[in-house]
Amino acid sequence: MLDQLKAASLSEASKFFIVANFGIFVGSVALCWSLGWLFQSRRIFDRWEPLRPIEIFAALGSIFFNAGISVFGWWLWNSDFITLKTGGMISGIYDCLAMLLFMDFGMYVLHRFVHLPSIFNLFHRFHHRHETTNPISLFVLHPVEIIGFGLLMIVFLALYRMSVGGLMGYLALNVLWGTLGHSGVEPFPGKFRSILGLSLLGTSTFHAEHHEHPRFNFGFYTLLWDKIFGTLDPEYDSRFLRDSDQVVAPISGTGKESGWSEDRFTRTDSKKGADHPAGSGSFTGFPGSQ
C-alpha cells in the first residue's frame, strides 16, 4: 500500500487522505458515543454540549484541513524530506513512544501559547465554547490550530526516521486519547492512579478539567509536563476518584454558557455573551439518558 501511495498522483493522494480523515472523524464520533453509553455511571458531566451549526461546520471542515496537512506530509515524503522505515514490533513501539513524548511536550508548549490572552481570543476561544463536551468537540478547532498541530507532527517526522508501524501506532493513540478526553465520561477505574507509570497518563477527567478551568491541565497524552511546570489542577486526584468511582453526582451541564464558582464541582449560570451563545440540538444527553 505504501508503494501505491508513493506512486499516486496529487489528486489521488488528496482523495485518499480526505476519505481517511473522514473515516477517522466517523470512528471518533462513534467511539465517543459508545463510551457515553457504556460508562453512563461514570459521567463527568450529566449531558453533552449541544450541537450548533457553526461547530458542525468547523468539525466537518477539520476533515479537509487535516487532509491538507496529510497531503503536505505526503509531498515531503515523496520529496525525501521525510523518510519512513520498516521495522519490527520493538522498533515500532520505541518510535511510537518517542513521537508521543515529543508531541506531548510540543502540544503542551503550543497549548500554553494559545492560552495567552491575545492569542486565545483570536483562535483557541472557539474550542473553549465547549465547557462540557460532545462527540465532535475534538474536531471543533480553529483552522490555525489544526495547521499548527499538523506542522508540529511534520517537524518531528522530518527530524526523526520513523518506522511505519510506529507512525500508525501514534496516529491511532492520538485519535483514541483525543476521543477519550472529550467523551464526558471516565472509563478508567480509580485504582488506575495507583499503578506506577499509568498514573501519569492523561485521563478523560484530566482534559475535562481543562475545559472547566482553562488555567490548568495543558498536556494531552500525559500529566508529565503539567507536573513539571506546576500547571496540574491541584484537585485533579480527588476529582478523578470522584469521576471514576462516581461517588457524587456528575456536574450539571445545561448547554448554556456558564461560569464556575470557587467550588470546583458546582456550576453556576453566567451572562451569555455574543461570542459564546446558548444553543440547542442533538447530543444534548448521553445515550440512554432521560
C-alpha atoms as a PDB file:
ATOM      1  CA  MET A   1       0.000   0.000   0.000  1.00  0.00           C
ATOM      2  CA  LEU A   2       2.871   2.389   0.761  1.00  0.00           C
ATOM      3  CA  ASP A   3       4.285   1.846  -2.721  1.00  0.00           C
ATOM      4  CA  GLN A   4       0.885   2.640  -4.246  1.00  0.00           C
ATOM      5  CA  LEU A   5       0.547   5.763  -2.106  1.00  0.00           C
ATOM      6  CA  LYS A   6       4.022   6.955  -3.047  1.00  0.00           C
ATOM      7  CA  ALA A   7       3.266   6.445  -6.741  1.00  0.00           C
ATOM      8  CA  ALA A   8      -0.114   8.205  -6.510  1.00  0.00           C
ATOM      9  CA  SER A   9      -0.824  11.495  -8.239  1.00  0.00           C
ATOM     10  CA  LEU A  10      -1.607  14.621  -6.197  1.00  0.00           C
ATOM     11  CA  SER A  11      -5.296  14.182  -6.996  1.00  0.00           C
ATOM     12  CA  GLU A  12      -5.289  10.528  -5.957  1.00  0.00           C
ATOM     13  CA  ALA A  13      -3.404  11.289  -2.721  1.00  0.00           C
ATOM     14  CA  SER A  14      -5.826  14.107  -1.895  1.00  0.00           C
ATOM     15  CA  LYS A  15      -8.831  11.829  -2.346  1.00  0.00           C
ATOM     16  CA  PHE A  16      -7.184   9.118  -0.238  1.00  0.00           C
ATOM     17  CA  PHE A  17      -6.470  11.453   2.673  1.00  0.00           C
ATOM     18  CA  ILE A  18      -9.931  13.039   2.563  1.00  0.00           C
ATOM     19  CA  VAL A  19     -11.520   9.580   2.784  1.00  0.00           C
ATOM     20  CA  ALA A  20      -9.068   8.508   5.501  1.00  0.00           C
ATOM     21  CA  ASN A  21      -9.720  11.598   7.620  1.00  0.00           C
ATOM     22  CA  PHE A  22     -13.467  11.246   7.132  1.00  0.00           C
ATOM     23  CA  GLY A  23     -13.154   7.689   8.415  1.00  0.00           C
ATOM     24  CA  ILE A  24     -11.193   8.914  11.450  1.00  0.00           C
ATOM     25  CA  PHE A  25     -13.895  11.516  12.134  1.00  0.00           C
ATOM     26  CA  VAL A  26     -16.725   8.974  11.925  1.00  0.00           C
ATOM     27  CA  GLY A  27     -14.794   6.459  14.020  1.00  0.00           C
ATOM     28  CA  SER A  28     -14.045   9.013  16.736  1.00  0.00           C
ATOM     29  CA  VAL A  29     -17.667  10.178  16.928  1.00  0.00           C
ATOM     30  CA  ALA A  30     -18.898   6.575  17.083  1.00  0.00           C
ATOM     31  CA  LEU A  31     -16.375   5.708  19.808  1.00  0.00           C
ATOM     32  CA  CYS A  32     -17.302   8.775  21.843  1.00  0.00           C
ATOM     33  CA  TRP A  33     -20.995   7.898  21.585  1.00  0.00           C
ATOM     34  CA  SER A  34     -20.248   4.310  22.600  1.00  0.00           C
ATOM     35  CA  LEU A  35     -18.220   5.427  25.622  1.00  0.00           C
ATOM     36  CA  GLY A  36     -21.114   7.625  26.709  1.00  0.00           C
ATOM     37  CA  TRP A  37     -23.401   4.581  26.566  1.00  0.00           C
ATOM     38  CA  LEU A  38     -21.000   2.096  28.168  1.00  0.00           C
ATOM     39  CA  PHE A  39     -19.942   4.334  31.069  1.00  0.00           C
ATOM     40  CA  GLN A  40     -23.181   6.136  31.909  1.00  0.00           C
ATOM     41  CA  SER A  41     -22.485   5.616  35.601  1.00  0.00           C
ATOM     42  CA  ARG A  42     -19.162   7.432  35.308  1.00  0.00           C
ATOM     43  CA  ARG A  43     -20.260  10.674  33.719  1.00  0.00           C
ATOM     44  CA  ILE A  44     -18.102  13.735  34.240  1.00  0.00           C
ATOM     45  CA  PHE A  45     -20.993  15.912  33.064  1.00  0.00           C
ATOM     46  CA  ASP A  46     -24.656  14.984  33.150  1.00  0.00           C
ATOM     47  CA  ARG A  47     -25.065  15.756  29.452  1.00  0.00           C
ATOM     48  CA  TRP A  48     -23.118  16.615  26.357  1.00  0.00           C
ATOM     49  CA  GLU A  49     -22.702  20.100  24.971  1.00  0.00           C
ATOM     50  CA  PRO A  50     -25.428  20.715  22.355  1.00  0.00           C
ATOM     51  CA  LEU A  51     -24.539  20.811  18.690  1.00  0.00           C
ATOM     52  CA  ARG A  52     -24.505  24.207  16.992  1.00  0.00           C
ATOM     53  CA  PRO A  53     -24.370  24.741  13.219  1.00  0.00           C
ATOM     54  CA  ILE A  54     -21.082  26.670  13.229  1.00  0.00           C
ATOM     55  CA  GLU A  55     -19.392  23.922  15.246  1.00  0.00           C
ATOM     56  CA  ILE A  56     -20.714  21.171  12.969  1.00  0.00           C
ATOM     57  CA  PHE A  57     -19.331  23.157  10.030  1.00  0.00           C
ATOM     58  CA  ALA A  58     -15.960  23.568  11.784  1.00  0.00           C
ATOM     59  CA  ALA A  59     -15.770  19.864  12.683  1.00  0.00           C
ATOM     60  CA  LEU A  60     -16.515  18.801   9.103  1.00  0.00           C
ATOM     61  CA  GLY A  61     -14.079  21.408   7.839  1.00  0.00           C
ATOM     62  CA  SER A  62     -11.364  19.892  10.025  1.00  0.00           C
ATOM     63  CA  ILE A  63     -11.520  16.800   7.808  1.00  0.00           C
ATOM     64  CA  PHE A  64     -10.293  18.848   4.851  1.00  0.00           C
ATOM     65  CA  PHE A  65      -7.667  20.791   6.830  1.00  0.00           C
ATOM     66  CA  ASN A  66      -6.297  17.540   8.247  1.00  0.00           C
ATOM     67  CA  ALA A  67      -6.320  16.047   4.761  1.00  0.00           C
ATOM     68  CA  GLY A  68      -4.400  19.080   3.501  1.00  0.00           C
ATOM     69  CA  ILE A  69      -1.725  18.618   6.166  1.00  0.00           C
ATOM     70  CA  SER A  70      -1.566  14.929   5.251  1.00  0.00           C
ATOM     71  CA  VAL A  71      -1.048  15.788   1.580  1.00  0.00           C
ATOM     72  CA  PHE A  72       1.753  18.179   2.536  1.00  0.00           C
ATOM     73  CA  GLY A  73       3.402  15.403   4.555  1.00  0.00           C
ATOM     74  CA  TRP A  74       2.933  13.021   1.625  1.00  0.00           C
ATOM     75  CA  TRP A  75       4.651  15.517  -0.679  1.00  0.00           C
ATOM     76  CA  LEU A  76       7.589  15.873   1.755  1.00  0.00           C
ATOM     77  CA  TRP A  77       7.812  12.083   1.936  1.00  0.00           C
ATOM     78  CA  ASN A  78       7.826  11.801  -1.866  1.00  0.00           C
ATOM     79  CA  SER A  79      10.495  14.517  -1.988  1.00  0.00           C
ATOM     80  CA  ASP A  80      12.648  12.658   0.563  1.00  0.00           C
ATOM     81  CA  PHE A  81      12.388  15.366   3.216  1.00  0.00           C
ATOM     82  CA  ILE A  82      10.632  12.720   5.325  1.00  0.00           C
ATOM     83  CA  THR A  83      11.808   9.117   5.361  1.00  0.00           C
ATOM     84  CA  LEU A  84       9.926   6.142   6.722  1.00  0.00           C
ATOM     85  CA  LYS A  85      11.484   2.804   7.567  1.00  0.00           C
ATOM     86  CA  THR A  86      10.146  -0.673   8.034  1.00  0.00           C
ATOM     87  CA  GLY A  87      10.850  -2.364  11.317  1.00  0.00           C
ATOM     88  CA  GLY A  88       9.736  -4.940  13.825  1.00  0.00           C
ATOM     89  CA  MET A  89       7.468  -4.621  16.815  1.00  0.00           C
ATOM     90  CA  ILE A  90      10.183  -3.401  19.200  1.00  0.00           C
ATOM     91  CA  SER A  91      11.243  -0.688  16.780  1.00  0.00           C
ATOM     92  CA  GLY A  92       7.615   0.338  16.265  1.00  0.00           C
ATOM     93  CA  ILE A  93       6.923   0.593  19.997  1.00  0.00           C
ATOM     94  CA  TYR A  94      10.109   2.612  20.583  1.00  0.00           C
ATOM     95  CA  ASP A  95       9.320   5.003  17.724  1.00  0.00           C
ATOM     96  CA  CYS A  96       5.722   5.397  18.844  1.00  0.00           C
ATOM     97  CA  LEU A  97       6.812   6.277  22.388  1.00  0.00           C
ATOM     98  CA  ALA A  98       9.420   8.728  21.063  1.00  0.00           C
ATOM     99  CA  MET A  99       6.804  10.523  18.965  1.00  0.00           C
ATOM    100  CA  LEU A 100       4.304  10.537  21.835  1.00  0.00           C
ATOM    101  CA  LEU A 101       6.847  12.180  24.138  1.00  0.00           C
ATOM    102  CA  PHE A 102       7.903  14.766  21.552  1.00  0.00           C
ATOM    103  CA  MET A 103       4.332  15.609  20.576  1.00  0.00           C
ATOM    104  CA  ASP A 104       3.132  15.738  24.183  1.00  0.00           C
ATOM    105  CA  PHE A 105       5.777  18.327  25.050  1.00  0.00           C
ATOM    106  CA  GLY A 106       5.257  20.251  21.807  1.00  0.00           C
ATOM    107  CA  MET A 107       1.497  20.364  22.275  1.00  0.00           C
ATOM    108  CA  TYR A 108       1.918  21.405  25.904  1.00  0.00           C
ATOM    109  CA  VAL A 109       4.030  24.385  24.784  1.00  0.00           C
ATOM    110  CA  LEU A 110       1.665  25.298  21.942  1.00  0.00           C
ATOM    111  CA  HIS A 111      -1.357  24.872  24.199  1.00  0.00           C
ATOM    112  CA  ARG A 112       0.051  27.281  26.765  1.00  0.00           C
ATOM    113  CA  PHE A 113       0.903  29.689  23.937  1.00  0.00           C
ATOM    114  CA  VAL A 114      -2.652  29.752  22.565  1.00  0.00           C
ATOM    115  CA  HIS A 115      -3.904  30.475  26.088  1.00  0.00           C
ATOM    116  CA  LEU A 116      -2.085  33.814  26.119  1.00  0.00           C
ATOM    117  CA  PRO A 117      -4.984  36.323  26.251  1.00  0.00           C
ATOM    118  CA  SER A 118      -4.434  37.960  22.865  1.00  0.00           C
ATOM    119  CA  ILE A 119      -3.858  34.609  21.111  1.00  0.00           C
ATOM    120  CA  PHE A 120      -6.675  32.865  22.969  1.00  0.00           C
ATOM    121  CA  ASN A 121      -9.246  35.401  21.818  1.00  0.00           C
ATOM    122  CA  LEU A 122      -8.129  35.047  18.205  1.00  0.00           C
ATOM    123  CA  PHE A 123      -8.009  31.270  17.939  1.00  0.00           C
ATOM    124  CA  HIS A 124      -8.487  28.978  20.940  1.00  0.00           C
ATOM    125  CA  ARG A 125     -11.625  30.568  22.394  1.00  0.00           C
ATOM    126  CA  PHE A 126     -13.591  28.795  19.666  1.00  0.00           C
ATOM    127  CA  HIS A 127     -12.675  25.371  21.080  1.00  0.00           C
ATOM    128  CA  HIS A 128     -13.495  26.529  24.604  1.00  0.00           C
ATOM    129  CA  ARG A 129     -17.055  27.330  23.612  1.00  0.00           C
ATOM    130  CA  HIS A 130     -17.482  23.759  24.871  1.00  0.00           C
ATOM    131  CA  GLU A 131     -17.333  23.906  28.666  1.00  0.00           C
ATOM    132  CA  THR A 132     -18.851  20.478  28.647  1.00  0.00           C
ATOM    133  CA  THR A 133     -18.021  18.327  25.627  1.00  0.00           C
ATOM    134  CA  ASN A 134     -19.747  16.244  22.954  1.00  0.00           C
ATOM    135  CA  PRO A 135     -18.689  13.691  20.311  1.00  0.00           C
ATOM    136  CA  ILE A 136     -17.419  16.351  17.874  1.00  0.00           C
ATOM    137  CA  SER A 137     -15.564  18.538  20.423  1.00  0.00           C
ATOM    138  CA  LEU A 138     -12.217  17.041  19.415  1.00  0.00           C
ATOM    139  CA  PHE A 139     -12.701  18.473  15.915  1.00  0.00           C
ATOM    140  CA  VAL A 140     -14.118  21.888  16.881  1.00  0.00           C
ATOM    141  CA  LEU A 141     -10.883  23.789  16.322  1.00  0.00           C
ATOM    142  CA  HIS A 142      -9.780  26.961  14.594  1.00  0.00           C
ATOM    143  CA  PRO A 143      -8.019  26.134  11.277  1.00  0.00           C
ATOM    144  CA  VAL A 144      -4.811  27.753  12.558  1.00  0.00           C
ATOM    145  CA  GLU A 145      -4.716  25.257  15.442  1.00  0.00           C
ATOM    146  CA  ILE A 146      -5.218  22.316  13.096  1.00  0.00           C
ATOM    147  CA  ILE A 147      -2.388  23.529  10.890  1.00  0.00           C
ATOM    148  CA  GLY A 148      -0.144  24.170  13.909  1.00  0.00           C
ATOM    149  CA  PHE A 149      -0.669  20.657  15.258  1.00  0.00           C
ATOM    150  CA  GLY A 150      -0.078  19.140  11.827  1.00  0.00           C
ATOM    151  CA  LEU A 151       3.133  21.108  11.281  1.00  0.00           C
ATOM    152  CA  LEU A 152       4.422  20.011  14.684  1.00  0.00           C
ATOM    153  CA  MET A 153       3.934  16.410  13.613  1.00  0.00           C
ATOM    154  CA  ILE A 154       5.682  17.074  10.305  1.00  0.00           C
ATOM    155  CA  VAL A 155       8.659  18.681  12.097  1.00  0.00           C
ATOM    156  CA  PHE A 156       9.104  15.505  14.134  1.00  0.00           C
ATOM    157  CA  LEU A 157       8.885  13.286  11.054  1.00  0.00           C
ATOM    158  CA  ALA A 158      11.417  15.470   9.231  1.00  0.00           C
ATOM    159  CA  LEU A 159      13.874  15.183  12.135  1.00  0.00           C
ATOM    160  CA  TYR A 160      13.334  11.553  13.095  1.00  0.00           C
ATOM    161  CA  ARG A 161      13.468   8.495  10.840  1.00  0.00           C
ATOM    162  CA  MET A 162      10.137   6.977  11.848  1.00  0.00           C
ATOM    163  CA  SER A 163       9.024   3.406  11.325  1.00  0.00           C
ATOM    164  CA  VAL A 164       5.706   2.850   9.565  1.00  0.00           C
ATOM    165  CA  GLY A 165       4.408   0.767  12.476  1.00  0.00           C
ATOM    166  CA  GLY A 166       5.400   3.422  14.996  1.00  0.00           C
ATOM    167  CA  LEU A 167       3.675   6.148  12.983  1.00  0.00           C
ATOM    168  CA  MET A 168       0.467   4.129  12.626  1.00  0.00           C
ATOM    169  CA  GLY A 169       0.539   3.365  16.343  1.00  0.00           C
ATOM    170  CA  TYR A 170       0.978   7.035  17.209  1.00  0.00           C
ATOM    171  CA  LEU A 171      -1.842   8.154  14.923  1.00  0.00           C
ATOM    172  CA  ALA A 172      -4.198   5.552  16.427  1.00  0.00           C
ATOM    173  CA  LEU A 173      -3.321   6.554  20.002  1.00  0.00           C
ATOM    174  CA  ASN A 174      -3.680  10.232  19.130  1.00  0.00           C
ATOM    175  CA  VAL A 175      -7.268   9.766  17.965  1.00  0.00           C
ATOM    176  CA  LEU A 176      -8.054   7.445  20.882  1.00  0.00           C
ATOM    177  CA  TRP A 177      -6.725   9.862  23.507  1.00  0.00           C
ATOM    178  CA  GLY A 178      -8.416  12.844  21.895  1.00  0.00           C
ATOM    179  CA  THR A 179     -11.725  10.979  21.855  1.00  0.00           C
ATOM    180  CA  LEU A 180     -11.360   9.862  25.480  1.00  0.00           C
ATOM    181  CA  GLY A 181     -10.504  13.401  26.569  1.00  0.00           C
ATOM    182  CA  HIS A 182     -13.717  14.785  25.095  1.00  0.00           C
ATOM    183  CA  SER A 183     -16.032  11.858  25.898  1.00  0.00           C
ATOM    184  CA  GLY A 184     -17.536  13.353  29.056  1.00  0.00           C
ATOM    185  CA  VAL A 185     -17.155  10.042  30.927  1.00  0.00           C
ATOM    186  CA  GLU A 186     -14.291   8.489  32.880  1.00  0.00           C
ATOM    187  CA  PRO A 187     -13.676   4.890  31.741  1.00  0.00           C
ATOM    188  CA  PHE A 188     -10.563   4.389  33.879  1.00  0.00           C
ATOM    189  CA  PRO A 189     -11.163   2.959  37.388  1.00  0.00           C
ATOM    190  CA  GLY A 190      -9.921   4.780  40.475  1.00  0.00           C
ATOM    191  CA  LYS A 191      -7.147   2.235  41.107  1.00  0.00           C
ATOM    192  CA  PHE A 192      -5.606   3.360  37.785  1.00  0.00           C
ATOM    193  CA  ARG A 193      -3.969   6.224  39.730  1.00  0.00           C
ATOM    194  CA  SER A 194      -2.065   3.823  41.977  1.00  0.00           C
ATOM    195  CA  ILE A 195      -0.362   1.895  39.152  1.00  0.00           C
ATOM    196  CA  LEU A 196       3.218   3.020  38.581  1.00  0.00           C
ATOM    197  CA  GLY A 197       3.602   4.743  35.198  1.00  0.00           C
ATOM    198  CA  LEU A 198      -0.079   4.662  34.297  1.00  0.00           C
ATOM    199  CA  SER A 199      -0.786   7.395  36.838  1.00  0.00           C
ATOM    200  CA  LEU A 200       0.994   9.850  34.514  1.00  0.00           C
ATOM    201  CA  LEU A 201      -1.328   9.181  31.578  1.00  0.00           C
ATOM    202  CA  GLY A 202      -3.901  11.826  30.756  1.00  0.00           C
ATOM    203  CA  THR A 203      -7.453  10.755  31.564  1.00  0.00           C
ATOM    204  CA  SER A 204     -10.865  11.973  30.467  1.00  0.00           C
ATOM    205  CA  THR A 205     -11.162  13.836  33.779  1.00  0.00           C
ATOM    206  CA  PHE A 206      -7.784  15.493  33.181  1.00  0.00           C
ATOM    207  CA  HIS A 207      -8.864  17.141  29.925  1.00  0.00           C
ATOM    208  CA  ALA A 208     -12.445  17.772  31.064  1.00  0.00           C
ATOM    209  CA  GLU A 209     -10.986  19.816  33.929  1.00  0.00           C
ATOM    210  CA  HIS A 210      -9.113  21.927  31.391  1.00  0.00           C
ATOM    211  CA  HIS A 211     -12.396  22.798  29.689  1.00  0.00           C
ATOM    212  CA  GLU A 212     -13.782  23.782  33.101  1.00  0.00           C
ATOM    213  CA  HIS A 213     -10.667  25.534  34.409  1.00  0.00           C
ATOM    214  CA  PRO A 214      -8.552  26.722  31.467  1.00  0.00           C
ATOM    215  CA  ARG A 215      -5.646  27.750  33.716  1.00  0.00           C
ATOM    216  CA  PHE A 216      -4.768  24.102  34.349  1.00  0.00           C
ATOM    217  CA  ASN A 217      -4.032  20.812  32.567  1.00  0.00           C
ATOM    218  CA  PHE A 218      -2.407  21.818  29.281  1.00  0.00           C
ATOM    219  CA  GLY A 219      -0.965  18.382  28.475  1.00  0.00           C
ATOM    220  CA  PHE A 220      -2.606  15.933  26.124  1.00  0.00           C
ATOM    221  CA  TYR A 221      -1.306  12.386  26.477  1.00  0.00           C
ATOM    222  CA  THR A 222       0.301  12.723  29.912  1.00  0.00           C
ATOM    223  CA  LEU A 223       0.313  14.774  33.100  1.00  0.00           C
ATOM    224  CA  LEU A 224       4.117  14.937  32.978  1.00  0.00           C
ATOM    225  CA  TRP A 225       4.641  18.498  31.792  1.00  0.00           C
ATOM    226  CA  ASP A 226       1.857  19.900  33.953  1.00  0.00           C
ATOM    227  CA  LYS A 227       3.525  18.293  36.966  1.00  0.00           C
ATOM    228  CA  ILE A 228       6.943  19.661  35.999  1.00  0.00           C
ATOM    229  CA  PHE A 229       5.737  23.211  35.259  1.00  0.00           C
ATOM    230  CA  GLY A 230       3.157  23.436  38.052  1.00  0.00           C
ATOM    231  CA  THR A 231       0.017  23.664  35.920  1.00  0.00           C
ATOM    232  CA  LEU A 232      -1.732  20.490  37.092  1.00  0.00           C
ATOM    233  CA  ASP A 233      -5.090  21.230  38.697  1.00  0.00           C
ATOM    234  CA  PRO A 234      -4.482  20.769  42.455  1.00  0.00           C
ATOM    235  CA  GLU A 235      -7.805  18.976  42.765  1.00  0.00           C
ATOM    236  CA  TYR A 236      -7.222  16.593  39.876  1.00  0.00           C
ATOM    237  CA  ASP A 237      -6.576  13.498  42.001  1.00  0.00           C
ATOM    238  CA  SER A 238      -9.713  13.898  44.102  1.00  0.00           C
ATOM    239  CA  ARG A 239     -11.773  14.776  41.044  1.00  0.00           C
ATOM    240  CA  PHE A 240     -10.525  11.734  39.140  1.00  0.00           C
ATOM    241  CA  LEU A 241     -11.503   9.460  42.022  1.00  0.00           C
ATOM    242  CA  ARG A 242     -14.949  11.045  42.090  1.00  0.00           C
ATOM    243  CA  ASP A 243     -15.445  10.663  38.355  1.00  0.00           C
ATOM    244  CA  SER A 244     -14.020   7.149  38.089  1.00  0.00           C
ATOM    245  CA  ASP A 245     -15.990   5.756  41.025  1.00  0.00           C
ATOM    246  CA  GLN A 246     -18.907   8.192  40.717  1.00  0.00           C
ATOM    247  CA  VAL A 247     -19.336   8.751  44.451  1.00  0.00           C
ATOM    248  CA  VAL A 248     -21.053  12.065  43.750  1.00  0.00           C
ATOM    249  CA  ALA A 249     -23.484  13.171  41.047  1.00  0.00           C
ATOM    250  CA  PRO A 250     -21.913  14.384  37.781  1.00  0.00           C
ATOM    251  CA  ILE A 251     -21.682  18.096  37.154  1.00  0.00           C
ATOM    252  CA  SER A 252     -24.830  19.570  35.721  1.00  0.00           C
ATOM    253  CA  GLY A 253     -24.330  20.833  32.188  1.00  0.00           C
ATOM    254  CA  THR A 254     -27.141  22.759  30.537  1.00  0.00           C
ATOM    255  CA  GLY A 255     -25.606  23.557  27.177  1.00  0.00           C
ATOM    256  CA  LYS A 256     -25.731  27.253  28.013  1.00  0.00           C
ATOM    257  CA  GLU A 257     -22.669  29.319  28.676  1.00  0.00           C
ATOM    258  CA  SER A 258     -21.847  29.258  32.312  1.00  0.00           C
ATOM    259  CA  GLY A 259     -19.186  30.215  34.768  1.00  0.00           C
ATOM    260  CA  TRP A 260     -17.692  28.250  37.609  1.00  0.00           C
ATOM    261  CA  SER A 261     -17.815  29.126  41.276  1.00  0.00           C
ATOM    262  CA  GLU A 262     -14.896  28.593  43.636  1.00  0.00           C
ATOM    263  CA  ASP A 263     -16.423  25.218  44.385  1.00  0.00           C
ATOM    264  CA  ARG A 264     -14.887  23.245  41.518  1.00  0.00           C
ATOM    265  CA  PHE A 265     -17.853  20.887  41.318  1.00  0.00           C
ATOM    266  CA  THR A 266     -20.685  23.414  41.269  1.00  0.00           C
ATOM    267  CA  ARG A 267     -21.794  25.004  38.038  1.00  0.00           C
ATOM    268  CA  THR A 268     -23.282  28.493  38.070  1.00  0.00           C
ATOM    269  CA  ASP A 269     -25.006  30.250  35.213  1.00  0.00           C
ATOM    270  CA  SER A 270     -23.463  33.467  33.967  1.00  0.00           C
ATOM    271  CA  LYS A 271     -24.462  36.092  31.461  1.00  0.00           C
ATOM    272  CA  LYS A 272     -24.442  34.777  27.923  1.00  0.00           C
ATOM    273  CA  GLY A 273     -22.094  36.569  25.554  1.00  0.00           C
ATOM    274  CA  ALA A 274     -22.418  37.149  21.829  1.00  0.00           C
ATOM    275  CA  ASP A 275     -19.271  35.154  21.158  1.00  0.00           C
ATOM    276  CA  HIS A 276     -20.485  32.118  23.076  1.00  0.00           C
ATOM    277  CA  PRO A 277     -24.230  31.809  22.501  1.00  0.00           C
ATOM    278  CA  ALA A 278     -26.501  29.269  24.065  1.00  0.00           C
ATOM    279  CA  GLY A 279     -27.679  26.627  21.687  1.00  0.00           C
ATOM    280  CA  SER A 280     -29.733  23.539  21.379  1.00  0.00           C
ATOM    281  CA  GLY A 281     -29.588  20.468  19.260  1.00  0.00           C
ATOM    282  CA  SER A 282     -28.972  16.762  19.339  1.00  0.00           C
ATOM    283  CA  PHE A 283     -26.326  15.099  21.513  1.00  0.00           C
ATOM    284  CA  THR A 284     -27.674  17.058  24.500  1.00  0.00           C
ATOM    285  CA  GLY A 285     -27.962  13.884  26.552  1.00  0.00           C
ATOM    286  CA  PHE A 286     -25.867  10.777  26.870  1.00  0.00           C
ATOM    287  CA  PRO A 287     -27.169   7.620  25.182  1.00  0.00           C
ATOM    288  CA  GLY A 288     -29.856   6.141  27.347  1.00  0.00           C
ATOM    289  CA  SER A 289     -30.272   9.271  29.479  1.00  0.00           C
ATOM    290  CA  GLN A 290     -33.620  10.865  30.027  1.00  0.00           C
END
